[in-house]
C-alpha atoms as a PDB file:
ATOM      1  CA  MET A   1     161.597 259.498-191.256  1.00  0.00           C
ATOM      2  CA  ILE A   2     163.559 256.864-189.393  1.00  0.00           C
ATOM      3  CA  GLU A   3     166.566 257.979-187.384  1.00  0.00           C
ATOM      4  CA  GLN A   4     169.740 256.016-188.125  1.00  0.00           C
ATOM      5  CA  ALA A   5     173.321 256.350-186.890  1.00  0.00           C
ATOM      6  CA  GLY A   6     174.222 258.285-190.057  1.00  0.00           C
ATOM      7  CA  GLY A   7     171.300 260.688-189.722  1.00  0.00           C
ATOM      8  CA  PRO A   8     167.667 260.733-190.841  1.00  0.00           C
ATOM      9  CA  GLU A   9     166.443 258.218-193.355  1.00  0.00           C
ATOM     10  CA  LYS A  10     163.471 258.422-195.669  1.00  0.00           C
ATOM     11  CA  ALA A  11     161.343 255.289-195.858  1.00  0.00           C
ATOM     12  CA  PHE A  12     160.014 254.162-199.228  1.00  0.00           C
ATOM     13  CA  PRO A  13     157.790 251.108-198.736  1.00  0.00           C
ATOM     14  CA  VAL A  14     156.978 249.236-201.960  1.00  0.00           C
ATOM     15  CA  SER A  15     153.972 246.893-202.178  1.00  0.00           C
ATOM     16  CA  TRP A  16     153.887 243.731-204.285  1.00  0.00           C
ATOM     17  CA  ASP A  17     151.487 245.449-206.707  1.00  0.00           C
ATOM     18  CA  GLN A  18     153.722 248.491-207.072  1.00  0.00           C
ATOM     19  CA  PHE A  19     156.828 246.380-207.542  1.00  0.00           C
ATOM     20  CA  HIS A  20     155.121 244.301-210.223  1.00  0.00           C
ATOM     21  CA  ARG A  21     154.017 247.475-212.065  1.00  0.00           C
ATOM     22  CA  ASP A  22     157.527 248.931-211.824  1.00  0.00           C
ATOM     23  CA  ALA A  23     159.181 245.704-213.039  1.00  0.00           C
ATOM     24  CA  ARG A  24     156.785 245.547-216.002  1.00  0.00           C
ATOM     25  CA  ALA A  25     157.567 249.187-216.772  1.00  0.00           C
ATOM     26  CA  LEU A  26     161.242 248.194-216.768  1.00  0.00           C
ATOM     27  CA  ALA A  27     160.465 245.439-219.289  1.00  0.00           C
ATOM     28  CA  TRP A  28     158.666 247.947-221.532  1.00  0.00           C
ATOM     29  CA  ARG A  29     161.691 250.222-221.399  1.00  0.00           C
ATOM     30  CA  LEU A  30     164.050 247.301-222.145  1.00  0.00           C
ATOM     31  CA  HIS A  31     162.041 245.967-225.080  1.00  0.00           C
ATOM     32  CA  SER A  32     163.774 248.184-227.630  1.00  0.00           C
ATOM     33  CA  ALA A  33     167.237 247.537-226.118  1.00  0.00           C
ATOM     34  CA  GLY A  34     167.056 243.785-226.847  1.00  0.00           C
ATOM     35  CA  PRO A  35     166.757 241.109-227.860  1.00  0.00           C
ATOM     36  CA  PHE A  36     168.735 239.475-225.084  1.00  0.00           C
ATOM     37  CA  GLU A  37     170.212 235.980-225.210  1.00  0.00           C
ATOM     38  CA  ALA A  38     169.933 235.589-221.440  1.00  0.00           C
ATOM     39  CA  ILE A  39     169.241 237.425-218.215  1.00  0.00           C
ATOM     40  CA  VAL A  40     171.763 237.469-215.411  1.00  0.00           C
ATOM     41  CA  CYS A  41     170.065 238.398-212.181  1.00  0.00           C
ATOM     42  CA  ILE A  42     171.992 239.615-209.180  1.00  0.00           C
ATOM     43  CA  THR A  43     170.733 237.593-206.246  1.00  0.00           C
ATOM     44  CA  ARG A  44     168.816 237.882-204.164  1.00  0.00           C
ATOM     45  CA  GLY A  45     167.172 241.190-204.958  1.00  0.00           C
ATOM     46  CA  GLY A  46     167.255 240.657-208.715  1.00  0.00           C
ATOM     47  CA  LEU A  47     165.336 237.372-208.635  1.00  0.00           C
ATOM     48  CA  VAL A  48     161.829 238.845-208.598  1.00  0.00           C
ATOM     49  CA  PRO A  49     162.334 241.568-211.230  1.00  0.00           C
ATOM     50  CA  ALA A  50     164.294 239.122-213.429  1.00  0.00           C
ATOM     51  CA  ALA A  51     161.363 236.697-213.432  1.00  0.00           C
ATOM     52  CA  ILE A  52     158.944 239.452-214.428  1.00  0.00           C
ATOM     53  CA  VAL A  53     161.240 240.896-217.105  1.00  0.00           C
ATOM     54  CA  ALA A  54     162.005 237.411-218.477  1.00  0.00           C
ATOM     55  CA  ARG A  55     158.291 236.700-218.852  1.00  0.00           C
ATOM     56  CA  GLU A  56     157.572 240.009-220.532  1.00  0.00           C
ATOM     57  CA  LEU A  57     160.531 239.814-222.934  1.00  0.00           C
ATOM     58  CA  ASP A  58     160.208 236.040-223.496  1.00  0.00           C
ATOM     59  CA  VAL A  59     163.746 235.291-222.330  1.00  0.00           C
ATOM     60  CA  ARG A  60     164.108 231.663-221.283  1.00  0.00           C
ATOM     61  CA  VAL A  61     167.717 231.543-220.057  1.00  0.00           C
ATOM     62  CA  ILE A  62     168.158 233.050-216.605  1.00  0.00           C
ATOM     63  CA  GLU A  63     171.476 232.835-214.802  1.00  0.00           C
ATOM     64  CA  THR A  64     172.351 234.147-211.363  1.00  0.00           C
ATOM     65  CA  ILE A  65     175.337 235.833-209.844  1.00  0.00           C
ATOM     66  CA  SER A  66     175.429 236.232-206.097  1.00  0.00           C
ATOM     67  CA  VAL A  67     177.226 239.245-204.706  1.00  0.00           C
ATOM     68  CA  VAL A  68     177.068 239.790-200.957  1.00  0.00           C
ATOM     69  CA  SER A  69     177.561 243.303-199.681  1.00  0.00           C
ATOM     70  CA  TYR A  70     174.950 243.629-196.919  1.00  0.00           C
ATOM     71  CA  ARG A  71     175.692 241.085-194.201  1.00  0.00           C
ATOM     72  CA  ASP A  72     173.698 242.606-191.353  1.00  0.00           C
ATOM     73  CA  TYR A  73     170.689 244.412-192.787  1.00  0.00           C
ATOM     74  CA  LYS A  74     171.924 247.989-193.299  1.00  0.00           C
ATOM     75  CA  ASN A  75     175.707 247.927-192.985  1.00  0.00           C
ATOM     76  CA  GLN A  76     177.311 247.569-196.384  1.00  0.00           C
ATOM     77  CA  SER A  77     180.717 245.900-196.647  1.00  0.00           C
ATOM     78  CA  MET A  78     183.039 245.211-199.565  1.00  0.00           C
ATOM     79  CA  PRO A  79     181.139 243.176-202.162  1.00  0.00           C
ATOM     80  CA  GLU A  80     182.095 239.524-202.480  1.00  0.00           C
ATOM     81  CA  VAL A  81     181.092 237.271-205.386  1.00  0.00           C
ATOM     82  CA  VAL A  82     179.889 234.062-203.721  1.00  0.00           C
ATOM     83  CA  LYS A  83     178.453 232.508-206.922  1.00  0.00           C
ATOM     84  CA  THR A  84     179.499 233.442-210.439  1.00  0.00           C
ATOM     85  CA  ILE A  85     177.840 232.728-213.788  1.00  0.00           C
ATOM     86  CA  GLU A  86     178.681 229.893-216.154  1.00  0.00           C
ATOM     87  CA  GLY A  87     181.851 230.206-218.206  1.00  0.00           C
ATOM     88  CA  ARG A  88     180.058 230.301-221.569  1.00  0.00           C
ATOM     89  CA  LEU A  89     178.261 233.505-220.584  1.00  0.00           C
ATOM     90  CA  LEU A  90     181.339 235.004-218.923  1.00  0.00           C
ATOM     91  CA  ALA A  91     183.299 234.454-222.137  1.00  0.00           C
ATOM     92  CA  THR A  92     180.987 236.858-224.007  1.00  0.00           C
ATOM     93  CA  GLN A  93     181.913 239.705-221.604  1.00  0.00           C
ATOM     94  CA  GLY A  94     178.171 240.265-221.407  1.00  0.00           C
ATOM     95  CA  GLN A  95     177.460 240.742-225.121  1.00  0.00           C
ATOM     96  CA  GLY A  96     173.740 240.035-225.587  1.00  0.00           C
ATOM     97  CA  LEU A  97     173.135 239.716-221.855  1.00  0.00           C
ATOM     98  CA  LEU A  98     170.767 241.672-219.639  1.00  0.00           C
ATOM     99  CA  VAL A  99     171.800 242.097-216.004  1.00  0.00           C
ATOM    100  CA  VAL A 100     168.857 242.747-213.677  1.00  0.00           C
ATOM    101  CA  ASP A 101     168.754 243.851-210.051  1.00  0.00           C
ATOM    102  CA  ASP A 102     166.121 245.425-207.839  1.00  0.00           C
ATOM    103  CA  LEU A 103     168.205 248.462-206.881  1.00  0.00           C
ATOM    104  CA  VAL A 104     171.519 250.154-207.492  1.00  0.00           C
ATOM    105  CA  ASP A 105     172.504 251.923-204.277  1.00  0.00           C
ATOM    106  CA  THR A 106     176.153 252.942-203.928  1.00  0.00           C
ATOM    107  CA  GLY A 107     177.075 251.061-207.106  1.00  0.00           C
ATOM    108  CA  LYS A 108     179.585 248.756-205.390  1.00  0.00           C
ATOM    109  CA  THR A 109     177.768 245.571-206.413  1.00  0.00           C
ATOM    110  CA  ALA A 110     177.085 246.837-209.928  1.00  0.00           C
ATOM    111  CA  LYS A 111     180.754 247.746-210.334  1.00  0.00           C
ATOM    112  CA  VAL A 112     181.850 244.196-209.489  1.00  0.00           C
ATOM    113  CA  VAL A 113     179.390 242.700-211.992  1.00  0.00           C
ATOM    114  CA  ARG A 114     180.218 245.315-214.651  1.00  0.00           C
ATOM    115  CA  GLU A 115     183.872 244.324-214.424  1.00  0.00           C
ATOM    116  CA  LEU A 116     182.890 240.712-215.205  1.00  0.00           C
ATOM    117  CA  LEU A 117     180.351 241.640-217.913  1.00  0.00           C
ATOM    118  CA  PRO A 118     181.393 245.019-219.370  1.00  0.00           C
ATOM    119  CA  LYS A 119     179.316 244.602-222.561  1.00  0.00           C
ATOM    120  CA  ALA A 120     176.070 243.665-220.785  1.00  0.00           C
ATOM    121  CA  HIS A 121     173.040 245.944-220.528  1.00  0.00           C
ATOM    122  CA  PHE A 122     172.428 246.752-216.842  1.00  0.00           C
ATOM    123  CA  ALA A 123     168.900 247.409-215.612  1.00  0.00           C
ATOM    124  CA  THR A 124     167.448 248.039-212.175  1.00  0.00           C
ATOM    125  CA  VAL A 125     163.975 248.880-211.016  1.00  0.00           C
ATOM    126  CA  TYR A 126     165.202 251.566-208.614  1.00  0.00           C
ATOM    127  CA  ALA A 127     168.355 253.710-208.620  1.00  0.00           C
ATOM    128  CA  LYS A 128     170.079 256.020-206.162  1.00  0.00           C
ATOM    129  CA  PRO A 129     172.365 258.847-207.318  1.00  0.00           C
ATOM    130  CA  LEU A 130     175.696 257.215-206.380  1.00  0.00           C
ATOM    131  CA  GLY A 131     174.929 254.049-208.350  1.00  0.00           C
ATOM    132  CA  ARG A 132     172.871 255.578-211.139  1.00  0.00           C
ATOM    133  CA  PRO A 133     175.810 256.033-213.595  1.00  0.00           C
ATOM    134  CA  LEU A 134     176.463 252.268-213.503  1.00  0.00           C
ATOM    135  CA  VAL A 135     173.069 251.254-214.924  1.00  0.00           C
ATOM    136  CA  ASP A 136     171.798 251.674-218.459  1.00  0.00           C
ATOM    137  CA  THR A 137     168.078 251.496-217.697  1.00  0.00           C
ATOM    138  CA  PHE A 138     166.033 252.051-214.542  1.00  0.00           C
ATOM    139  CA  ILE A 139     162.499 253.118-213.643  1.00  0.00           C
ATOM    140  CA  THR A 140     162.542 255.218-210.461  1.00  0.00           C
ATOM    141  CA  GLU A 141     165.307 257.272-208.877  1.00  0.00           C
ATOM    142  CA  VAL A 142     165.203 257.903-205.139  1.00  0.00           C
ATOM    143  CA  SER A 143     167.478 260.029-202.976  1.00  0.00           C
ATOM    144  CA  GLN A 144     170.605 258.469-201.498  1.00  0.00           C
ATOM    145  CA  ASP A 145     169.200 258.754-197.965  1.00  0.00           C
ATOM    146  CA  THR A 146     166.063 256.759-198.841  1.00  0.00           C
ATOM    147  CA  TRP A 147     165.735 253.178-197.644  1.00  0.00           C
ATOM    148  CA  ILE A 148     163.518 251.092-199.913  1.00  0.00           C
ATOM    149  CA  TYR A 149     161.445 248.515-198.066  1.00  0.00           C
ATOM    150  CA  PHE A 150     160.793 245.755-200.600  1.00  0.00           C
ATOM    151  CA  PRO A 151     157.669 243.622-200.238  1.00  0.00           C
ATOM    152  CA  TRP A 152     159.679 240.456-199.541  1.00  0.00           C
ATOM    153  CA  ASP A 153     161.383 242.200-196.602  1.00  0.00           C
ATOM    154  CA  THR A 154     158.261 243.459-194.849  1.00  0.00           C
ATOM    155  CA  MET A 155     155.049 242.326-193.197  1.00  0.00           C
ATOM    156  CA  LEU A 156     151.748 244.118-192.927  1.00  0.00           C
ATOM    157  CA  ALA A 157     151.605 246.038-189.663  1.00  0.00           C
ATOM    158  CA  TYR A 158     150.272 249.253-188.194  1.00  0.00           C
ATOM    159  CA  ALA A 159     152.091 252.321-189.478  1.00  0.00           C
ATOM    160  CA  PRO A 160     152.083 255.378-187.216  1.00  0.00           C
ATOM    161  CA  PRO A 161     151.221 258.702-188.903  1.00  0.00           C
ATOM    162  CA  ILE A 162     154.097 260.817-190.135  1.00  0.00           C
ATOM    163  CA  ARG A 163     153.041 263.593-187.812  1.00  0.00           C
ATOM    164  CA  GLY A 164     151.887 262.381-184.421  1.00  0.00           C
ATOM    165  CA  LYS A 165     149.551 264.147-182.008  1.00  0.00           C
ATOM    166  CA  GLU A 166     151.221 267.074-180.340  1.00  0.00           C
END
């Protein structure tokens, strides 16, 4: 565990291989929920799973929405839409659209996007309990006090054992 200001934190490191397997599992789960006209990925975390899901489901139109809520690594602020999706897709209220993100944490980001696209199908690879009700499909649920270390955020380095020498 890593000690943070708010108490202990559980680390959940995810390798590229594991993330690819989990994103493909998400595509399998989504297959029967489609077909989808387009994918809207929430950047930046949704870019990688959206690419994998788009390939697996043969969706060619991928749009992005950028919502910033983490400005300094682990301190979440009020979400701000810094890039929205094209008007044609907004006009559908999300009908026929698949929204993809890597993780739903507190649900603040998902809530902002859900308000823009209430009829869209929301999917994330990972979900935490507070945000879980805001997504329609996910693969793995982790506890709220778990910090997921995505492969694009980490480097290979020595990892000390969980229990050190006493």
